[in-house]
Amino acid sequence: MKALIIDDERLARKELTSLLAPFEHLQVVGEAANADEAEQLVAELKPDLLFLDVNMPGRDGFELLEALDPAPHVIFVTAYDEHALHAFQVNALDYLVKPIDPERLAAALEKLPEPEAGDGPTREMLHEGDQIFLKDGEKCWFVTLKDVRLFQSEGNYVRVLFDDQKPLVLRSLNTLEKKLDPLVFFRVSRKHIVNLRWVEKIEPWFNGGLMVKLRSGETVEVSRRQASRFKELLSL
């Protein structure tokens, strides 16, 4: 598994590299001192994991993650205490507080999923097992796509519905549609993309369209134009 260390402090990067040396399954493929360097290295090296500092000159760690689509797995490395981390500690893979405790580092690495052949978080198409990073105001989430039941267009933004959360992100539905696996995420109308795994019930609707009820209780209309393709996917 390939890892990239992103921290504006050279000594902090050196210390973490040393602490990671005993983990033979992990290869540190590069270091970056800021978000601009990191973004370029992510594109070139395609790491599976980022060790990411939050506060850096220029863009911070969260702003970097917003620019990565999709983002690799992330372990935050920060000088913040638990209170400051409360907003995102349950959403990232893990976080480490400086100075890094070797046992905490080992525990964080145990949370990494087993790699699969040909699988990687930086591939072009996003599949239901991939993670995405979302930020709405001060709140941040790492979400596995299988848990997202609905994408809803609202002007230049998209509302992402998962669990009891509905963050609004600056992205177009057209852009998302091109990246999502079409066998799982289906564009039912101009305003909605539905996760087919969440479909509970389908009923005929006006003008040859369909009405879909999700397991979460929401209902979404399938346009007449998309109804035939929708039926094919669900073998109706």
C-alpha atoms as a PDB file:
ATOM      1  CA  MET A   1       0.000   0.000   0.000  1.00  0.00           C
ATOM      2  CA  LYS A   2       1.376   3.393  -1.042  1.00  0.00           C
ATOM      3  CA  ALA A   3       1.342   6.311   1.411  1.00  0.00           C
ATOM      4  CA  LEU A   4       1.966  10.030   1.005  1.00  0.00           C
ATOM      5  CA  ILE A   5       2.937  12.256   3.964  1.00  0.00           C
ATOM      6  CA  ILE A   6       1.651  15.841   3.850  1.00  0.00           C
ATOM      7  CA  ASP A   7       2.948  18.187   6.543  1.00  0.00           C
ATOM      8  CA  ASP A   8       4.578  21.619   6.385  1.00  0.00           C
ATOM      9  CA  GLU A   9       7.087  20.628   9.120  1.00  0.00           C
ATOM     10  CA  ARG A  10      10.105  18.756   7.736  1.00  0.00           C
ATOM     11  CA  LEU A  11      10.969  17.188  11.080  1.00  0.00           C
ATOM     12  CA  ALA A  12       7.401  15.948  11.497  1.00  0.00           C
ATOM     13  CA  ARG A  13       7.566  14.281   8.068  1.00  0.00           C
ATOM     14  CA  LYS A  14      10.918  12.700   8.938  1.00  0.00           C
ATOM     15  CA  GLU A  15       9.644  11.394  12.288  1.00  0.00           C
ATOM     16  CA  LEU A  16       6.538   9.849  10.729  1.00  0.00           C
ATOM     17  CA  THR A  17       8.580   8.210   7.973  1.00  0.00           C
ATOM     18  CA  SER A  18      10.773   6.639  10.639  1.00  0.00           C
ATOM     19  CA  LEU A  19       7.754   5.414  12.618  1.00  0.00           C
ATOM     20  CA  LEU A  20       6.282   3.821   9.488  1.00  0.00           C
ATOM     21  CA  ALA A  21       9.457   1.904   8.591  1.00  0.00           C
ATOM     22  CA  PRO A  22       8.512  -1.288  10.520  1.00  0.00           C
ATOM     23  CA  PHE A  23       5.234  -1.634   8.594  1.00  0.00           C
ATOM     24  CA  GLU A  24       6.370  -3.656   5.601  1.00  0.00           C
ATOM     25  CA  HIS A  25       2.995  -3.557   3.844  1.00  0.00           C
ATOM     26  CA  LEU A  26       3.183   0.242   3.691  1.00  0.00           C
ATOM     27  CA  GLN A  27       5.487   2.149   1.333  1.00  0.00           C
ATOM     28  CA  VAL A  28       6.020   5.888   1.760  1.00  0.00           C
ATOM     29  CA  VAL A  29       6.197   7.026  -1.870  1.00  0.00           C
ATOM     30  CA  GLY A  30       6.519  10.761  -1.282  1.00  0.00           C
ATOM     31  CA  GLU A  31       6.273  13.828   0.924  1.00  0.00           C
ATOM     32  CA  ALA A  32       4.635  17.207   0.452  1.00  0.00           C
ATOM     33  CA  ALA A  33       4.964  20.403   2.454  1.00  0.00           C
ATOM     34  CA  ASN A  34       1.708  22.004   1.295  1.00  0.00           C
ATOM     35  CA  ALA A  35      -1.552  21.303  -0.489  1.00  0.00           C
ATOM     36  CA  ASP A  36      -0.315  22.368  -3.933  1.00  0.00           C
ATOM     37  CA  GLU A  37       2.602  19.938  -3.814  1.00  0.00           C
ATOM     38  CA  ALA A  38       0.339  17.227  -2.416  1.00  0.00           C
ATOM     39  CA  GLU A  39      -2.291  17.598  -5.131  1.00  0.00           C
ATOM     40  CA  GLN A  40       0.354  17.168  -7.823  1.00  0.00           C
ATOM     41  CA  LEU A  41       1.907  14.142  -6.097  1.00  0.00           C
ATOM     42  CA  VAL A  42      -1.474  12.471  -5.614  1.00  0.00           C
ATOM     43  CA  ALA A  43      -2.080  12.736  -9.359  1.00  0.00           C
ATOM     44  CA  GLU A  44       1.390  11.388 -10.191  1.00  0.00           C
ATOM     45  CA  LEU A  45       1.868   8.700  -7.527  1.00  0.00           C
ATOM     46  CA  LYS A  46      -1.741   7.616  -6.921  1.00  0.00           C
ATOM     47  CA  PRO A  47      -1.268   6.813  -3.210  1.00  0.00           C
ATOM     48  CA  ASP A  48      -3.738   4.635  -1.329  1.00  0.00           C
ATOM     49  CA  LEU A  49      -3.315   6.545   1.943  1.00  0.00           C
ATOM     50  CA  LEU A  50      -2.603  10.124   3.003  1.00  0.00           C
ATOM     51  CA  PHE A  51      -1.095  11.132   6.329  1.00  0.00           C
ATOM     52  CA  LEU A  52      -2.488  14.649   6.328  1.00  0.00           C
ATOM     53  CA  ASP A  53      -1.788  17.650   8.536  1.00  0.00           C
ATOM     54  CA  VAL A  54      -4.718  20.034   8.973  1.00  0.00           C
ATOM     55  CA  ASN A  55      -3.041  23.449   9.323  1.00  0.00           C
ATOM     56  CA  MET A  56      -0.632  24.288   6.501  1.00  0.00           C
ATOM     57  CA  PRO A  57       0.374  27.457   4.655  1.00  0.00           C
ATOM     58  CA  GLY A  58      -2.073  28.258   1.868  1.00  0.00           C
ATOM     59  CA  ARG A  59      -4.839  25.684   1.574  1.00  0.00           C
ATOM     60  CA  ASP A  60      -5.453  23.575   4.659  1.00  0.00           C
ATOM     61  CA  GLY A  61      -5.948  19.806   4.739  1.00  0.00           C
ATOM     62  CA  PHE A  62      -9.711  20.025   4.272  1.00  0.00           C
ATOM     63  CA  GLU A  63      -9.382  22.261   1.217  1.00  0.00           C
ATOM     64  CA  LEU A  64      -6.929  19.783  -0.273  1.00  0.00           C
ATOM     65  CA  LEU A  65      -9.396  16.920   0.205  1.00  0.00           C
ATOM     66  CA  GLU A  66     -12.108  18.936  -1.537  1.00  0.00           C
ATOM     67  CA  ALA A  67      -9.844  19.125  -4.598  1.00  0.00           C
ATOM     68  CA  LEU A  68      -9.239  15.359  -4.703  1.00  0.00           C
ATOM     69  CA  ASP A  69     -11.974  13.413  -6.453  1.00  0.00           C
ATOM     70  CA  PRO A  70     -12.037  10.755  -5.161  1.00  0.00           C
ATOM     71  CA  ALA A  71      -9.816  11.157  -2.121  1.00  0.00           C
ATOM     72  CA  PRO A  72      -7.532   8.331  -0.948  1.00  0.00           C
ATOM     73  CA  HIS A  73      -7.936   7.009   2.581  1.00  0.00           C
ATOM     74  CA  VAL A  74      -6.854   9.642   5.092  1.00  0.00           C
ATOM     75  CA  ILE A  75      -5.310   9.562   8.546  1.00  0.00           C
ATOM     76  CA  PHE A  76      -5.138  13.054  10.012  1.00  0.00           C
ATOM     77  CA  VAL A  77      -1.920  14.034  11.781  1.00  0.00           C
ATOM     78  CA  THR A  78      -2.525  17.155  13.815  1.00  0.00           C
ATOM     79  CA  ALA A  79      -1.566  19.121  16.888  1.00  0.00           C
ATOM     80  CA  TYR A  80      -5.264  19.645  17.713  1.00  0.00           C
ATOM     81  CA  ASP A  81      -6.713  18.092  20.844  1.00  0.00           C
ATOM     82  CA  GLU A  82      -9.795  15.875  20.873  1.00  0.00           C
ATOM     83  CA  HIS A  83     -12.176  18.796  21.362  1.00  0.00           C
ATOM     84  CA  ALA A  84     -10.977  20.510  18.194  1.00  0.00           C
ATOM     85  CA  LEU A  85     -11.142  17.216  16.307  1.00  0.00           C
ATOM     86  CA  HIS A  86     -14.686  16.432  17.388  1.00  0.00           C
ATOM     87  CA  ALA A  87     -16.224  17.680  14.131  1.00  0.00           C
ATOM     88  CA  PHE A  88     -14.462  15.122  11.989  1.00  0.00           C
ATOM     89  CA  GLN A  89     -12.870  12.417  14.124  1.00  0.00           C
ATOM     90  CA  VAL A  90     -15.606   9.863  13.428  1.00  0.00           C
ATOM     91  CA  ASN A  91     -15.524  10.473   9.662  1.00  0.00           C
ATOM     92  CA  ALA A  92     -11.855  10.073   8.762  1.00  0.00           C
ATOM     93  CA  LEU A  93     -10.160   6.691   8.847  1.00  0.00           C
ATOM     94  CA  ASP A  94      -8.431   7.881  12.028  1.00  0.00           C
ATOM     95  CA  TYR A  95      -6.469  10.775  13.496  1.00  0.00           C
ATOM     96  CA  LEU A  96      -3.146  11.011  15.277  1.00  0.00           C
ATOM     97  CA  VAL A  97      -2.220  13.801  17.677  1.00  0.00           C
ATOM     98  CA  LYS A  98       1.376  15.041  17.677  1.00  0.00           C
ATOM     99  CA  PRO A  99       3.694  13.827  19.065  1.00  0.00           C
ATOM    100  CA  ILE A 100       2.660  10.525  17.486  1.00  0.00           C
ATOM    101  CA  ASP A 101       2.391   7.526  19.770  1.00  0.00           C
ATOM    102  CA  PRO A 102       3.638   4.367  17.972  1.00  0.00           C
ATOM    103  CA  GLU A 103       0.826   2.254  19.420  1.00  0.00           C
ATOM    104  CA  ARG A 104      -1.797   4.726  18.200  1.00  0.00           C
ATOM    105  CA  LEU A 105      -0.164   4.669  14.766  1.00  0.00           C
ATOM    106  CA  ALA A 106      -0.356   0.873  14.668  1.00  0.00           C
ATOM    107  CA  ALA A 107      -4.014   0.980  15.711  1.00  0.00           C
ATOM    108  CA  ALA A 108      -4.794   3.498  12.964  1.00  0.00           C
ATOM    109  CA  LEU A 109      -3.151   1.347  10.298  1.00  0.00           C
ATOM    110  CA  GLU A 110      -5.197  -1.658  11.380  1.00  0.00           C
ATOM    111  CA  LYS A 111      -8.294   0.208  10.171  1.00  0.00           C
ATOM    112  CA  LEU A 112      -7.090   0.136   6.573  1.00  0.00           C
ATOM    113  CA  PRO A 113      -9.139  -2.164   4.334  1.00  0.00           C
ATOM    114  CA  GLU A 114      -7.465  -5.087   2.626  1.00  0.00           C
ATOM    115  CA  PRO A 115      -6.325  -4.045  -0.874  1.00  0.00           C
ATOM    116  CA  GLU A 116      -7.911  -5.792  -3.847  1.00  0.00           C
ATOM    117  CA  ALA A 117      -6.224  -6.531  -7.145  1.00  0.00           C
ATOM    118  CA  GLY A 118      -6.808  -3.756  -9.624  1.00  0.00           C
ATOM    119  CA  ASP A 119      -8.657  -1.730  -7.038  1.00  0.00           C
ATOM    120  CA  GLY A 120      -7.653   1.763  -5.986  1.00  0.00           C
ATOM    121  CA  PRO A 121      -9.260   4.914  -4.645  1.00  0.00           C
ATOM    122  CA  THR A 122      -7.832   7.141  -7.385  1.00  0.00           C
ATOM    123  CA  ARG A 123      -9.394   5.341 -10.374  1.00  0.00           C
ATOM    124  CA  GLU A 124     -11.610   7.248 -12.798  1.00  0.00           C
ATOM    125  CA  MET A 125     -14.970   5.622 -11.986  1.00  0.00           C
ATOM    126  CA  LEU A 126     -16.370   5.619  -8.471  1.00  0.00           C
ATOM    127  CA  HIS A 127     -17.893   2.345  -7.287  1.00  0.00           C
ATOM    128  CA  GLU A 128     -20.149   1.670  -4.328  1.00  0.00           C
ATOM    129  CA  GLY A 129     -17.266   0.525  -2.121  1.00  0.00           C
ATOM    130  CA  ASP A 130     -15.288   3.748  -2.637  1.00  0.00           C
ATOM    131  CA  GLN A 131     -15.136   6.617  -0.169  1.00  0.00           C
ATOM    132  CA  ILE A 132     -15.834  10.263  -0.951  1.00  0.00           C
ATOM    133  CA  PHE A 133     -14.966  13.325   1.116  1.00  0.00           C
ATOM    134  CA  LEU A 134     -17.726  15.882   1.710  1.00  0.00           C
ATOM    135  CA  LYS A 135     -17.534  19.295   3.347  1.00  0.00           C
ATOM    136  CA  ASP A 136     -20.478  21.554   4.116  1.00  0.00           C
ATOM    137  CA  GLY A 137     -19.537  24.606   6.157  1.00  0.00           C
ATOM    138  CA  GLU A 138     -17.577  23.447   9.190  1.00  0.00           C
ATOM    139  CA  LYS A 139     -18.770  19.843   8.975  1.00  0.00           C
ATOM    140  CA  CYS A 140     -16.829  17.116   7.158  1.00  0.00           C
ATOM    141  CA  TRP A 141     -17.593  13.503   6.303  1.00  0.00           C
ATOM    142  CA  PHE A 142     -15.924  10.498   4.731  1.00  0.00           C
ATOM    143  CA  VAL A 143     -18.770   8.526   3.194  1.00  0.00           C
ATOM    144  CA  THR A 144     -18.790   5.109   1.531  1.00  0.00           C
ATOM    145  CA  LEU A 145     -20.852   5.451  -1.634  1.00  0.00           C
ATOM    146  CA  LYS A 146     -23.030   2.428  -0.893  1.00  0.00           C
ATOM    147  CA  ASP A 147     -24.461   4.437   2.030  1.00  0.00           C
ATOM    148  CA  VAL A 148     -25.485   7.325  -0.237  1.00  0.00           C
ATOM    149  CA  ARG A 149     -29.071   6.705  -1.316  1.00  0.00           C
ATOM    150  CA  LEU A 150     -29.744   9.848  -3.327  1.00  0.00           C
ATOM    151  CA  PHE A 151     -28.047  12.787  -5.047  1.00  0.00           C
ATOM    152  CA  GLN A 152     -30.345  15.777  -5.541  1.00  0.00           C
ATOM    153  CA  SER A 153     -29.550  18.791  -7.725  1.00  0.00           C
ATOM    154  CA  GLU A 154     -30.134  22.242  -6.229  1.00  0.00           C
ATOM    155  CA  GLY A 155     -28.918  24.865  -8.676  1.00  0.00           C
ATOM    156  CA  ASN A 156     -25.126  24.704  -8.892  1.00  0.00           C
ATOM    157  CA  TYR A 157     -25.030  22.424  -5.839  1.00  0.00           C
ATOM    158  CA  VAL A 158     -25.850  18.800  -5.106  1.00  0.00           C
ATOM    159  CA  ARG A 159     -27.440  17.594  -1.881  1.00  0.00           C
ATOM    160  CA  VAL A 160     -26.020  14.215  -0.800  1.00  0.00           C
ATOM    161  CA  LEU A 161     -28.375  12.078   1.286  1.00  0.00           C
ATOM    162  CA  PHE A 162     -26.892   9.413   3.566  1.00  0.00           C
ATOM    163  CA  ASP A 163     -27.814   8.255   7.084  1.00  0.00           C
ATOM    164  CA  ASP A 164     -29.524  11.279   8.664  1.00  0.00           C
ATOM    165  CA  GLN A 165     -27.218  13.752   6.890  1.00  0.00           C
ATOM    166  CA  LYS A 166     -27.973  15.968   3.870  1.00  0.00           C
ATOM    167  CA  PRO A 167     -24.885  18.099   3.140  1.00  0.00           C
ATOM    168  CA  LEU A 168     -24.874  20.467   0.187  1.00  0.00           C
ATOM    169  CA  VAL A 169     -21.722  20.408  -1.964  1.00  0.00           C
ATOM    170  CA  LEU A 170     -20.608  22.612  -4.842  1.00  0.00           C
ATOM    171  CA  ARG A 171     -20.744  20.154  -7.718  1.00  0.00           C
ATOM    172  CA  SER A 172     -23.023  19.527 -10.679  1.00  0.00           C
ATOM    173  CA  LEU A 173     -25.176  16.438 -11.095  1.00  0.00           C
ATOM    174  CA  ASN A 174     -23.794  16.038 -14.630  1.00  0.00           C
ATOM    175  CA  THR A 175     -20.232  15.793 -13.283  1.00  0.00           C
ATOM    176  CA  LEU A 176     -21.257  13.217 -10.692  1.00  0.00           C
ATOM    177  CA  GLU A 177     -23.140  11.135 -13.231  1.00  0.00           C
ATOM    178  CA  LYS A 178     -19.989  10.737 -15.343  1.00  0.00           C
ATOM    179  CA  LYS A 179     -18.007   9.432 -12.351  1.00  0.00           C
ATOM    180  CA  LEU A 180     -20.526   7.096 -10.709  1.00  0.00           C
ATOM    181  CA  ASP A 181     -20.999   3.436 -11.619  1.00  0.00           C
ATOM    182  CA  PRO A 182     -24.094   3.498 -13.895  1.00  0.00           C
ATOM    183  CA  LEU A 183     -25.112  -0.015 -12.819  1.00  0.00           C
ATOM    184  CA  VAL A 184     -25.573   1.215  -9.248  1.00  0.00           C
ATOM    185  CA  PHE A 185     -26.254   4.952  -9.498  1.00  0.00           C
ATOM    186  CA  PHE A 186     -28.954   5.820 -12.031  1.00  0.00           C
ATOM    187  CA  ARG A 187     -29.961   9.273 -13.287  1.00  0.00           C
ATOM    188  CA  VAL A 188     -33.739   8.993 -12.902  1.00  0.00           C
ATOM    189  CA  SER A 189     -34.447  12.600 -13.849  1.00  0.00           C
ATOM    190  CA  ARG A 190     -32.886  15.996 -14.433  1.00  0.00           C
ATOM    191  CA  LYS A 191     -32.690  16.543 -10.661  1.00  0.00           C
ATOM    192  CA  HIS A 192     -31.945  13.119  -9.149  1.00  0.00           C
ATOM    193  CA  ILE A 193     -29.469  10.238  -9.169  1.00  0.00           C
ATOM    194  CA  VAL A 194     -30.680   7.203  -7.203  1.00  0.00           C
ATOM    195  CA  ASN A 195     -28.693   4.373  -5.644  1.00  0.00           C
ATOM    196  CA  LEU A 196     -30.511   1.332  -7.070  1.00  0.00           C
ATOM    197  CA  ARG A 197     -29.582  -0.742  -4.010  1.00  0.00           C
ATOM    198  CA  TRP A 198     -31.903   1.485  -1.968  1.00  0.00           C
ATOM    199  CA  VAL A 199     -34.985   1.011  -4.176  1.00  0.00           C
ATOM    200  CA  GLU A 200     -37.805  -0.656  -2.230  1.00  0.00           C
ATOM    201  CA  LYS A 201     -40.886  -0.154  -4.393  1.00  0.00           C
ATOM    202  CA  ILE A 202     -41.765   1.029  -7.904  1.00  0.00           C
ATOM    203  CA  GLU A 203     -45.179   2.212  -9.086  1.00  0.00           C
ATOM    204  CA  PRO A 204     -46.525   3.515 -12.426  1.00  0.00           C
ATOM    205  CA  TRP A 205     -46.814   7.305 -12.536  1.00  0.00           C
ATOM    206  CA  PHE A 206     -48.172  10.019 -14.795  1.00  0.00           C
ATOM    207  CA  ASN A 207     -47.362  10.163 -18.525  1.00  0.00           C
ATOM    208  CA  GLY A 208     -45.529   6.834 -18.607  1.00  0.00           C
ATOM    209  CA  GLY A 209     -43.147   7.693 -15.792  1.00  0.00           C
ATOM    210  CA  LEU A 210     -42.499   5.798 -12.572  1.00  0.00           C
ATOM    211  CA  MET A 211     -42.499   6.625  -8.876  1.00  0.00           C
ATOM    212  CA  VAL A 212     -39.717   5.042  -6.816  1.00  0.00           C
ATOM    213  CA  LYS A 213     -39.841   4.587  -3.060  1.00  0.00           C
ATOM    214  CA  LEU A 214     -36.513   4.172  -1.271  1.00  0.00           C
ATOM    215  CA  ARG A 215     -35.916   2.065   1.839  1.00  0.00           C
ATOM    216  CA  SER A 216     -35.419   5.335   3.713  1.00  0.00           C
ATOM    217  CA  GLY A 217     -38.967   6.443   2.885  1.00  0.00           C
ATOM    218  CA  GLU A 218     -38.208   9.113   0.256  1.00  0.00           C
ATOM    219  CA  THR A 219     -40.038   8.991  -3.064  1.00  0.00           C
ATOM    220  CA  VAL A 220     -38.448  10.051  -6.362  1.00  0.00           C
ATOM    221  CA  GLU A 221     -40.074  10.373  -9.767  1.00  0.00           C
ATOM    222  CA  VAL A 222     -38.455   8.637 -12.754  1.00  0.00           C
ATOM    223  CA  SER A 223     -38.968  10.640 -15.925  1.00  0.00           C
ATOM    224  CA  ARG A 224     -40.735   9.043 -18.891  1.00  0.00           C
ATOM    225  CA  ARG A 225     -37.520   9.263 -20.898  1.00  0.00           C
ATOM    226  CA  GLN A 226     -35.590   7.272 -18.275  1.00  0.00           C
ATOM    227  CA  ALA A 227     -38.348   4.815 -17.329  1.00  0.00           C
ATOM    228  CA  SER A 228     -37.508   2.165 -19.961  1.00  0.00           C
ATOM    229  CA  ARG A 229     -33.811   2.109 -19.084  1.00  0.00           C
ATOM    230  CA  PHE A 230     -34.685   2.022 -15.392  1.00  0.00           C
ATOM    231  CA  LYS A 231     -36.893  -1.042 -15.919  1.00  0.00           C
ATOM    232  CA  GLU A 232     -34.080  -2.778 -17.819  1.00  0.00           C
ATOM    233  CA  LEU A 233     -31.601  -2.236 -14.990  1.00  0.00           C
ATOM    234  CA  LEU A 234     -33.998  -3.626 -12.418  1.00  0.00           C
ATOM    235  CA  SER A 235     -35.185  -6.444 -14.727  1.00  0.00           C
ATOM    236  CA  LEU A 236     -38.813  -5.403 -14.573  1.00  0.00           C
END
